[in-house]
PDB file of N, CA and C in Angstrom:
ATOM      1  N   MET A   1     190.140-145.732 124.829  1.00  0.00           N
ATOM      2  CA  MET A   1     189.824-145.472 123.445  1.00  0.00           C
ATOM      3  C   MET A   1     190.616-144.267 122.960  1.00  0.00           C
ATOM      4  N   GLU A   2     191.005-144.303 121.720  1.00  0.00           N
ATOM      5  CA  GLU A   2     191.707-143.178 121.104  1.00  0.00           C
ATOM      6  C   GLU A   2     190.668-142.216 120.523  1.00  0.00           C
ATOM      7  N   TRP A   3     190.589-140.996 121.070  1.00  0.00           N
ATOM      8  CA  TRP A   3     189.578-140.034 120.651  1.00  0.00           C
ATOM      9  C   TRP A   3     190.107-139.172 119.510  1.00  0.00           C
ATOM     10  N   PRO A   4     189.206-138.688 118.646  1.00  0.00           N
ATOM     11  CA  PRO A   4     189.635-137.817 117.552  1.00  0.00           C
ATOM     12  C   PRO A   4     190.140-136.462 118.041  1.00  0.00           C
ATOM     13  N   HIS A   5     189.783-136.082 119.254  1.00  0.00           N
ATOM     14  CA  HIS A   5     190.311-134.879 119.890  1.00  0.00           C
ATOM     15  C   HIS A   5     190.170-135.023 121.403  1.00  0.00           C
ATOM     16  N   ASP A   6     190.910-134.202 122.131  1.00  0.00           N
ATOM     17  CA  ASP A   6     190.900-134.223 123.594  1.00  0.00           C
ATOM     18  C   ASP A   6     189.541-133.729 124.098  1.00  0.00           C
ATOM     19  N   PRO A   7     188.822-134.545 124.887  1.00  0.00           N
ATOM     20  CA  PRO A   7     187.502-134.118 125.371  1.00  0.00           C
ATOM     21  C   PRO A   7     187.549-132.877 126.253  1.00  0.00           C
ATOM     22  N   ASP A   8     188.708-132.559 126.807  1.00  0.00           N
ATOM     23  CA  ASP A   8     188.836-131.371 127.649  1.00  0.00           C
ATOM     24  C   ASP A   8     189.520-130.219 126.932  1.00  0.00           C
ATOM     25  N   GLY A   9     189.915-130.453 125.686  1.00  0.00           N
ATOM     26  CA  GLY A   9     190.605-129.423 124.930  1.00  0.00           C
ATOM     27  C   GLY A   9     189.656-128.452 124.258  1.00  0.00           C
ATOM     28  N   GLU A  10     190.236-127.551 123.492  1.00  0.00           N
ATOM     29  CA  GLU A  10     189.465-126.500 122.837  1.00  0.00           C
ATOM     30  C   GLU A  10     188.332-127.061 121.974  1.00  0.00           C
ATOM     31  N   GLU A  11     188.610-128.093 121.195  1.00  0.00           N
ATOM     32  CA  GLU A  11     187.593-128.657 120.320  1.00  0.00           C
ATOM     33  C   GLU A  11     186.525-129.427 121.092  1.00  0.00           C
ATOM     34  N   GLY A  12     186.916-130.052 122.191  1.00  0.00           N
ATOM     35  CA  GLY A  12     185.969-130.859 122.956  1.00  0.00           C
ATOM     36  C   GLY A  12     185.074-130.080 123.885  1.00  0.00           C
ATOM     37  N   SER A  13     185.619-129.043 124.511  1.00  0.00           N
ATOM     38  CA  SER A  13     184.792-128.318 125.487  1.00  0.00           C
ATOM     39  C   SER A  13     185.168-126.845 125.588  1.00  0.00           C
ATOM     40  N   GLU A  14     185.614-126.293 124.490  1.00  0.00           N
ATOM     41  CA  GLU A  14     185.949-124.872 124.423  1.00  0.00           C
ATOM     42  C   GLU A  14     186.962-124.460 125.486  1.00  0.00           C
ATOM     43  N   GLY A  15     187.973-125.292 125.695  1.00  0.00           N
ATOM     44  CA  GLY A  15     189.058-124.936 126.582  1.00  0.00           C
ATOM     45  C   GLY A  15     188.845-125.228 128.051  1.00  0.00           C
ATOM     46  N   GLY A  16     187.666-125.647 128.439  1.00  0.00           N
ATOM     47  CA  GLY A  16     187.398-125.948 129.836  1.00  0.00           C
ATOM     48  C   GLY A  16     186.537-127.182 129.923  1.00  0.00           C
ATOM     49  N   ARG A  17     186.408-127.727 131.084  1.00  0.00           N
ATOM     50  CA  ARG A  17     185.608-128.939 131.221  1.00  0.00           C
ATOM     51  C   ARG A  17     184.126-128.633 131.191  1.00  0.00           C
ATOM     52  N   LYS A  18     183.480-129.196 130.214  1.00  0.00           N
ATOM     53  CA  LYS A  18     182.033-129.184 130.133  1.00  0.00           C
ATOM     54  C   LYS A  18     181.611-130.640 130.093  1.00  0.00           C
ATOM     55  N   TYR A  19     180.433-130.931 130.608  1.00  0.00           N
ATOM     56  CA  TYR A  19     180.005-132.307 130.771  1.00  0.00           C
ATOM     57  C   TYR A  19     178.699-132.589 130.043  1.00  0.00           C
ATOM     58  N   GLY A  20     178.532-133.859 129.636  1.00  0.00           N
ATOM     59  CA  GLY A  20     177.268-134.388 129.140  1.00  0.00           C
ATOM     60  C   GLY A  20     176.574-133.530 128.109  1.00  0.00           C
ATOM     61  N   GLN A  21     175.375-133.096 128.444  1.00  0.00           N
ATOM     62  CA  GLN A  21     174.548-132.348 127.508  1.00  0.00           C
ATOM     63  C   GLN A  21     175.148-131.005 127.128  1.00  0.00           C
ATOM     64  N   ALA A  22     175.959-130.417 127.981  1.00  0.00           N
ATOM     65  CA  ALA A  22     176.609-129.151 127.639  1.00  0.00           C
ATOM     66  C   ALA A  22     177.561-129.329 126.464  1.00  0.00           C
ATOM     67  N   VAL A  23     178.144-130.497 126.326  1.00  0.00           N
ATOM     68  CA  VAL A  23     179.024-130.792 125.184  1.00  0.00           C
ATOM     69  C   VAL A  23     178.168-131.045 123.943  1.00  0.00           C
ATOM     70  N   LEU A  24     177.116-131.834 124.086  1.00  0.00           N
ATOM     71  CA  LEU A  24     176.272-132.177 122.941  1.00  0.00           C
ATOM     72  C   LEU A  24     175.580-130.963 122.344  1.00  0.00           C
ATOM     73  N   VAL A  25     175.108-130.054 123.165  1.00  0.00           N
ATOM     74  CA  VAL A  25     174.362-128.905 122.661  1.00  0.00           C
ATOM     75  C   VAL A  25     175.242-128.002 121.801  1.00  0.00           C
ATOM     76  N   LYS A  26     176.545-128.029 122.008  1.00  0.00           N
ATOM     77  CA  LYS A  26     177.466-127.231 121.192  1.00  0.00           C
ATOM     78  C   LYS A  26     177.576-127.777 119.771  1.00  0.00           C
ATOM     79  N   LYS A  27     177.068-128.977 119.545  1.00  0.00           N
ATOM     80  CA  LYS A  27     177.161-129.618 118.234  1.00  0.00           C
ATOM     81  C   LYS A  27     175.949-129.329 117.346  1.00  0.00           C
ATOM     82  N   VAL A  28     174.967-128.590 117.869  1.00  0.00           N
ATOM     83  CA  VAL A  28     173.769-128.275 117.091  1.00  0.00           C
ATOM     84  C   VAL A  28     173.551-126.765 117.054  1.00  0.00           C
ATOM     85  N   ASP A  29     172.879-126.331 116.003  1.00  0.00           N
ATOM     86  CA  ASP A  29     172.470-124.937 115.863  1.00  0.00           C
ATOM     87  C   ASP A  29     170.958-124.903 116.015  1.00  0.00           C
ATOM     88  N   GLU A  30     170.501-124.235 117.046  1.00  0.00           N
ATOM     89  CA  GLU A  30     169.073-124.248 117.381  1.00  0.00           C
ATOM     90  C   GLU A  30     168.198-123.704 116.250  1.00  0.00           C
ATOM     91  N   THR A  31     168.704-122.773 115.477  1.00  0.00           N
ATOM     92  CA  THR A  31     167.881-122.169 114.431  1.00  0.00           C
ATOM     93  C   THR A  31     167.976-122.891 113.093  1.00  0.00           C
ATOM     94  N   GLU A  32     169.047-123.638 112.841  1.00  0.00           N
ATOM     95  CA  GLU A  32     169.233-124.244 111.521  1.00  0.00           C
ATOM     96  C   GLU A  32     169.146-125.768 111.486  1.00  0.00           C
ATOM     97  N   ASP A  33     169.384-126.447 112.599  1.00  0.00           N
ATOM     98  CA  ASP A  33     169.505-127.912 112.579  1.00  0.00           C
ATOM     99  C   ASP A  33     168.212-128.670 112.875  1.00  0.00           C
ATOM    100  N   PHE A  34     167.151-127.969 113.248  1.00  0.00           N
ATOM    101  CA  PHE A  34     165.923-128.659 113.632  1.00  0.00           C
ATOM    102  C   PHE A  34     164.852-128.470 112.576  1.00  0.00           C
ATOM    103  N   PRO A  35     164.059-129.514 112.352  1.00  0.00           N
ATOM    104  CA  PRO A  35     164.094-130.820 113.010  1.00  0.00           C
ATOM    105  C   PRO A  35     165.407-131.544 112.697  1.00  0.00           C
ATOM    106  N   LEU A  36     165.881-132.304 113.689  1.00  0.00           N
ATOM    107  CA  LEU A  36     167.171-132.982 113.621  1.00  0.00           C
ATOM    108  C   LEU A  36     166.973-134.485 113.573  1.00  0.00           C
ATOM    109  N   ASP A  37     167.618-135.122 112.626  1.00  0.00           N
ATOM    110  CA  ASP A  37     167.561-136.573 112.478  1.00  0.00           C
ATOM    111  C   ASP A  37     168.634-137.200 113.371  1.00  0.00           C
ATOM    112  N   ALA A  38     168.237-138.085 114.263  1.00  0.00           N
ATOM    113  CA  ALA A  38     169.179-138.704 115.204  1.00  0.00           C
ATOM    114  C   ALA A  38     170.271-139.481 114.483  1.00  0.00           C
ATOM    115  N   ALA A  39     169.929-140.253 113.458  1.00  0.00           N
ATOM    116  CA  ALA A  39     170.922-141.053 112.727  1.00  0.00           C
ATOM    117  C   ALA A  39     171.943-140.153 112.038  1.00  0.00           C
ATOM    118  N   ALA A  40     171.498-139.056 111.462  1.00  0.00           N
ATOM    119  CA  ALA A  40     172.418-138.123 110.805  1.00  0.00           C
ATOM    120  C   ALA A  40     173.344-137.471 111.826  1.00  0.00           C
ATOM    121  N   PHE A  41     172.815-137.154 113.010  1.00  0.00           N
ATOM    122  CA  PHE A  41     173.633-136.570 114.073  1.00  0.00           C
ATOM    123  C   PHE A  41     174.723-137.553 114.490  1.00  0.00           C
ATOM    124  N   VAL A  42     174.357-138.819 114.644  1.00  0.00           N
ATOM    125  CA  VAL A  42     175.339-139.844 115.028  1.00  0.00           C
ATOM    126  C   VAL A  42     176.352-140.054 113.902  1.00  0.00           C
ATOM    127  N   ASP A  43     175.904-140.038 112.658  1.00  0.00           N
ATOM    128  CA  ASP A  43     176.843-140.162 111.534  1.00  0.00           C
ATOM    129  C   ASP A  43     177.881-139.049 111.564  1.00  0.00           C
ATOM    130  N   ALA A  44     177.454-137.849 111.902  1.00  0.00           N
ATOM    131  CA  ALA A  44     178.350-136.700 111.917  1.00  0.00           C
ATOM    132  C   ALA A  44     179.235-136.632 113.155  1.00  0.00           C
ATOM    133  N   HIS A  45     178.740-137.110 114.302  1.00  0.00           N
ATOM    134  CA  HIS A  45     179.448-136.886 115.571  1.00  0.00           C
ATOM    135  C   HIS A  45     179.664-138.145 116.413  1.00  0.00           C
ATOM    136  N   GLY A  46     179.286-139.302 115.926  1.00  0.00           N
ATOM    137  CA  GLY A  46     179.274-140.522 116.728  1.00  0.00           C
ATOM    138  C   GLY A  46     180.556-140.891 117.437  1.00  0.00           C
ATOM    139  N   ASP A  47     181.709-140.628 116.823  1.00  0.00           N
ATOM    140  CA  ASP A  47     182.973-141.022 117.436  1.00  0.00           C
ATOM    141  C   ASP A  47     183.588-139.943 118.316  1.00  0.00           C
ATOM    142  N   GLU A  48     182.908-138.835 118.455  1.00  0.00           N
ATOM    143  CA  GLU A  48     183.432-137.739 119.265  1.00  0.00           C
ATOM    144  C   GLU A  48     183.207-138.001 120.754  1.00  0.00           C
ATOM    145  N   PRO A  49     184.144-137.540 121.590  1.00  0.00           N
ATOM    146  CA  PRO A  49     184.047-137.807 123.030  1.00  0.00           C
ATOM    147  C   PRO A  49     183.122-136.841 123.758  1.00  0.00           C
ATOM    148  N   VAL A  50     182.473-137.365 124.794  1.00  0.00           N
ATOM    149  CA  VAL A  50     181.655-136.553 125.699  1.00  0.00           C
ATOM    150  C   VAL A  50     182.054-136.935 127.122  1.00  0.00           C
ATOM    151  N   ARG A  51     182.555-135.962 127.870  1.00  0.00           N
ATOM    152  CA  ARG A  51     182.907-136.217 129.267  1.00  0.00           C
ATOM    153  C   ARG A  51     181.620-136.243 130.079  1.00  0.00           C
ATOM    154  N   MET A  52     181.415-137.342 130.811  1.00  0.00           N
ATOM    155  CA  MET A  52     180.217-137.499 131.632  1.00  0.00           C
ATOM    156  C   MET A  52     180.447-137.047 133.072  1.00  0.00           C
ATOM    157  N   ASP A  53     181.641-137.293 133.581  1.00  0.00           N
ATOM    158  CA  ASP A  53     182.024-136.866 134.920  1.00  0.00           C
ATOM    159  C   ASP A  53     183.546-136.772 134.937  1.00  0.00           C
ATOM    160  N   VAL A  54     184.118-136.529 136.085  1.00  0.00           N
ATOM    161  CA  VAL A  54     185.565-136.315 136.143  1.00  0.00           C
ATOM    162  C   VAL A  54     186.376-137.535 135.709  1.00  0.00           C
ATOM    163  N   GLU A  55     185.771-138.716 135.726  1.00  0.00           N
ATOM    164  CA  GLU A  55     186.495-139.939 135.378  1.00  0.00           C
ATOM    165  C   GLU A  55     186.051-140.578 134.068  1.00  0.00           C
ATOM    166  N   THR A  56     184.876-140.238 133.567  1.00  0.00           N
ATOM    167  CA  THR A  56     184.267-141.000 132.487  1.00  0.00           C
ATOM    168  C   THR A  56     184.098-140.187 131.214  1.00  0.00           C
ATOM    169  N   VAL A  57     184.577-140.742 130.103  1.00  0.00           N
ATOM    170  CA  VAL A  57     184.367-140.172 128.782  1.00  0.00           C
ATOM    171  C   VAL A  57     183.760-141.265 127.920  1.00  0.00           C
ATOM    172  N   VAL A  58     182.665-140.951 127.231  1.00  0.00           N
ATOM    173  CA  VAL A  58     182.014-141.900 126.321  1.00  0.00           C
ATOM    174  C   VAL A  58     181.864-141.221 124.968  1.00  0.00           C
ATOM    175  N   SER A  59     181.544-141.996 123.964  1.00  0.00           N
ATOM    176  CA  SER A  59     181.314-141.424 122.636  1.00  0.00           C
ATOM    177  C   SER A  59     179.875-140.956 122.501  1.00  0.00           C
ATOM    178  N   VAL A  60     179.653-140.051 121.567  1.00  0.00           N
ATOM    179  CA  VAL A  60     178.297-139.625 121.239  1.00  0.00           C
ATOM    180  C   VAL A  60     177.475-140.846 120.851  1.00  0.00           C
ATOM    181  N   ARG A  61     178.073-141.756 120.100  1.00  0.00           N
ATOM    182  CA  ARG A  61     177.387-142.973 119.661  1.00  0.00           C
ATOM    183  C   ARG A  61     176.903-143.798 120.859  1.00  0.00           C
ATOM    184  N   GLU A  62     177.730-143.900 121.892  1.00  0.00           N
ATOM    185  CA  GLU A  62     177.339-144.673 123.082  1.00  0.00           C
ATOM    186  C   GLU A  62     176.123-144.054 123.767  1.00  0.00           C
ATOM    187  N   ILE A  63     176.070-142.732 123.807  1.00  0.00           N
ATOM    188  CA  ILE A  63     174.895-142.066 124.377  1.00  0.00           C
ATOM    189  C   ILE A  63     173.674-142.355 123.513  1.00  0.00           C
ATOM    190  N   PHE A  64     173.835-142.212 122.200  1.00  0.00           N
ATOM    191  CA  PHE A  64     172.699-142.373 121.288  1.00  0.00           C
ATOM    192  C   PHE A  64     172.261-143.825 121.131  1.00  0.00           C
ATOM    193  N   ASP A  65     173.050-144.764 121.615  1.00  0.00           N
ATOM    194  CA  ASP A  65     172.590-146.157 121.660  1.00  0.00           C
ATOM    195  C   ASP A  65     171.353-146.282 122.551  1.00  0.00           C
ATOM    196  N   HIS A  66     171.164-145.317 123.449  1.00  0.00           N
ATOM    197  CA  HIS A  66     170.045-145.345 124.400  1.00  0.00           C
ATOM    198  C   HIS A  66     168.944-144.345 124.063  1.00  0.00           C
ATOM    199  N   VAL A  67     169.110-143.583 122.990  1.00  0.00           N
ATOM    200  CA  VAL A  67     168.090-142.631 122.556  1.00  0.00           C
ATOM    201  C   VAL A  67     167.025-143.389 121.767  1.00  0.00           C
ATOM    202  N   GLU A  68     165.774-143.203 122.133  1.00  0.00           N
ATOM    203  CA  GLU A  68     164.685-143.917 121.476  1.00  0.00           C
ATOM    204  C   GLU A  68     164.086-143.133 120.311  1.00  0.00           C
ATOM    205  N   GLU A  69     164.185-141.823 120.335  1.00  0.00           N
ATOM    206  CA  GLU A  69     163.600-140.976 119.303  1.00  0.00           C
ATOM    207  C   GLU A  69     164.444-141.015 118.028  1.00  0.00           C
ATOM    208  N   GLU A  70     163.765-140.916 116.891  1.00  0.00           N
ATOM    209  CA  GLU A  70     164.456-140.877 115.599  1.00  0.00           C
ATOM    210  C   GLU A  70     164.690-139.453 115.123  1.00  0.00           C
ATOM    211  N   THR A  71     163.837-138.524 115.545  1.00  0.00           N
ATOM    212  CA  THR A  71     163.987-137.116 115.196  1.00  0.00           C
ATOM    213  C   THR A  71     163.669-136.247 116.401  1.00  0.00           C
ATOM    214  N   PHE A  72     164.191-135.049 116.359  1.00  0.00           N
ATOM    215  CA  PHE A  72     163.946-134.060 117.408  1.00  0.00           C
ATOM    216  C   PHE A  72     163.399-132.811 116.732  1.00  0.00           C
ATOM    217  N   GLU A  73     162.252-132.343 117.188  1.00  0.00           N
ATOM    218  CA  GLU A  73     161.617-131.182 116.576  1.00  0.00           C
ATOM    219  C   GLU A  73     162.301-129.868 116.940  1.00  0.00           C
ATOM    220  N   ASP A  74     162.885-129.837 118.154  1.00  0.00           N
ATOM    221  CA  ASP A  74     163.521-128.607 118.622  1.00  0.00           C
ATOM    222  C   ASP A  74     164.557-128.953 119.689  1.00  0.00           C
ATOM    223  N   LEU A  75     165.229-127.923 120.176  1.00  0.00           N
ATOM    224  CA  LEU A  75     166.291-128.131 121.162  1.00  0.00           C
ATOM    225  C   LEU A  75     165.761-128.729 122.463  1.00  0.00           C
ATOM    226  N   VAL A  76     164.567-128.349 122.861  1.00  0.00           N
ATOM    227  CA  VAL A  76     163.976-128.878 124.094  1.00  0.00           C
ATOM    228  C   VAL A  76     163.759-130.387 123.972  1.00  0.00           C
ATOM    229  N   SER A  77     163.218-130.828 122.848  1.00  0.00           N
ATOM    230  CA  SER A  77     163.001-132.274 122.667  1.00  0.00           C
ATOM    231  C   SER A  77     164.326-133.023 122.576  1.00  0.00           C
ATOM    232  N   PHE A  78     165.346-132.405 121.996  1.00  0.00           N
ATOM    233  CA  PHE A  78     166.690-132.986 121.941  1.00  0.00           C
ATOM    234  C   PHE A  78     167.230-133.194 123.355  1.00  0.00           C
ATOM    235  N   HIS A  79     167.159-132.147 124.181  1.00  0.00           N
ATOM    236  CA  HIS A  79     167.645-132.235 125.561  1.00  0.00           C
ATOM    237  C   HIS A  79     166.882-133.298 126.352  1.00  0.00           C
ATOM    238  N   ALA A  80     165.580-133.326 126.213  1.00  0.00           N
ATOM    239  CA  ALA A  80     164.773-134.292 126.962  1.00  0.00           C
ATOM    240  C   ALA A  80     165.134-135.722 126.570  1.00  0.00           C
ATOM    241  N   ALA A  81     165.270-135.985 125.280  1.00  0.00           N
ATOM    242  CA  ALA A  81     165.589-137.336 124.806  1.00  0.00           C
ATOM    243  C   ALA A  81     166.991-137.756 125.213  1.00  0.00           C
ATOM    244  N   VAL A  82     167.943-136.843 125.098  1.00  0.00           N
ATOM    245  CA  VAL A  82     169.327-137.176 125.465  1.00  0.00           C
ATOM    246  C   VAL A  82     169.457-137.384 126.970  1.00  0.00           C
ATOM    247  N   GLY A  83     168.802-136.546 127.763  1.00  0.00           N
ATOM    248  CA  GLY A  83     168.827-136.725 129.216  1.00  0.00           C
ATOM    249  C   GLY A  83     168.227-138.055 129.631  1.00  0.00           C
ATOM    250  N   ALA A  84     167.100-138.410 129.029  1.00  0.00           N
ATOM    251  CA  ALA A  84     166.472-139.705 129.327  1.00  0.00           C
ATOM    252  C   ALA A  84     167.381-140.852 128.915  1.00  0.00           C
ATOM    253  N   ALA A  85     168.042-140.705 127.776  1.00  0.00           N
ATOM    254  CA  ALA A  85     168.953-141.756 127.297  1.00  0.00           C
ATOM    255  C   ALA A  85     170.143-141.936 128.238  1.00  0.00           C
ATOM    256  N   MET A  86     170.676-140.844 128.741  1.00  0.00           N
ATOM    257  CA  MET A  86     171.805-140.927 129.677  1.00  0.00           C
ATOM    258  C   MET A  86     171.390-141.634 130.959  1.00  0.00           C
ATOM    259  N   ARG A  87     170.183-141.359 131.429  1.00  0.00           N
ATOM    260  CA  ARG A  87     169.698-142.052 132.629  1.00  0.00           C
ATOM    261  C   ARG A  87     169.437-143.529 132.325  1.00  0.00           C
ATOM    262  N   ARG A  88     168.787-143.800 131.196  1.00  0.00           N
ATOM    263  CA  ARG A  88     168.470-145.169 130.806  1.00  0.00           C
ATOM    264  C   ARG A  88     169.743-146.003 130.636  1.00  0.00           C
ATOM    265  N   GLY A  89     170.764-145.416 130.069  1.00  0.00           N
ATOM    266  CA  GLY A  89     172.026-146.120 129.853  1.00  0.00           C
ATOM    267  C   GLY A  89     172.954-146.092 131.054  1.00  0.00           C
ATOM    268  N   GLU A  90     172.494-145.481 132.147  1.00  0.00           N
ATOM    269  CA  GLU A  90     173.281-145.348 133.377  1.00  0.00           C
ATOM    270  C   GLU A  90     174.636-144.695 133.102  1.00  0.00           C
ATOM    271  N   LEU A  91     174.610-143.676 132.243  1.00  0.00           N
ATOM    272  CA  LEU A  91     175.825-142.956 131.886  1.00  0.00           C
ATOM    273  C   LEU A  91     176.102-141.794 132.825  1.00  0.00           C
ATOM    274  N   ARG A  92     175.099-141.389 133.593  1.00  0.00           N
ATOM    275  CA  ARG A  92     175.269-140.336 134.595  1.00  0.00           C
ATOM    276  C   ARG A  92     175.479-140.990 135.947  1.00  0.00           C
ATOM    277  N   ARG A  93     176.408-140.427 136.689  1.00  0.00           N
ATOM    278  CA  ARG A  93     176.640-140.935 138.041  1.00  0.00           C
ATOM    279  C   ARG A  93     176.120-139.918 139.025  1.00  0.00           C
ATOM    280  N   TYR A  94     175.347-140.382 139.974  1.00  0.00           N
ATOM    281  CA  TYR A  94     174.738-139.491 140.959  1.00  0.00           C
ATOM    282  C   TYR A  94     175.350-139.649 142.346  1.00  0.00           C
ATOM    283  N   ASP A  95     176.397-140.452 142.443  1.00  0.00           N
ATOM    284  CA  ASP A  95     176.991-140.712 143.755  1.00  0.00           C
ATOM    285  C   ASP A  95     178.134-139.780 144.090  1.00  0.00           C
ATOM    286  N   ARG A  96     178.353-138.743 143.307  1.00  0.00           N
ATOM    287  CA  ARG A  96     179.446-137.799 143.558  1.00  0.00           C
ATOM    288  C   ARG A  96     178.918-136.448 143.877  1.00  0.00           C
TER     289      ARG A  96
END
């Protein structure tokens, strides 16, 4: 897939490799963005890349295809829902 920016570049991971939720959390402001609407988050960031492991990059939209919640009250609920979605969608690899 052609990404809007390099997932390992400055815009994707602040110049170094960051993975999964560490990339997603950089897209929200804990004090201003909550409660956060999942659909609005996907509208704003859906096509952006998220590196899951050393070999795999998926879009924010692909992760959120597995998110069941429509809103997140705070950063903790965001992390819990996204982590569950990554496991549900088998986007995390545990064999490495």
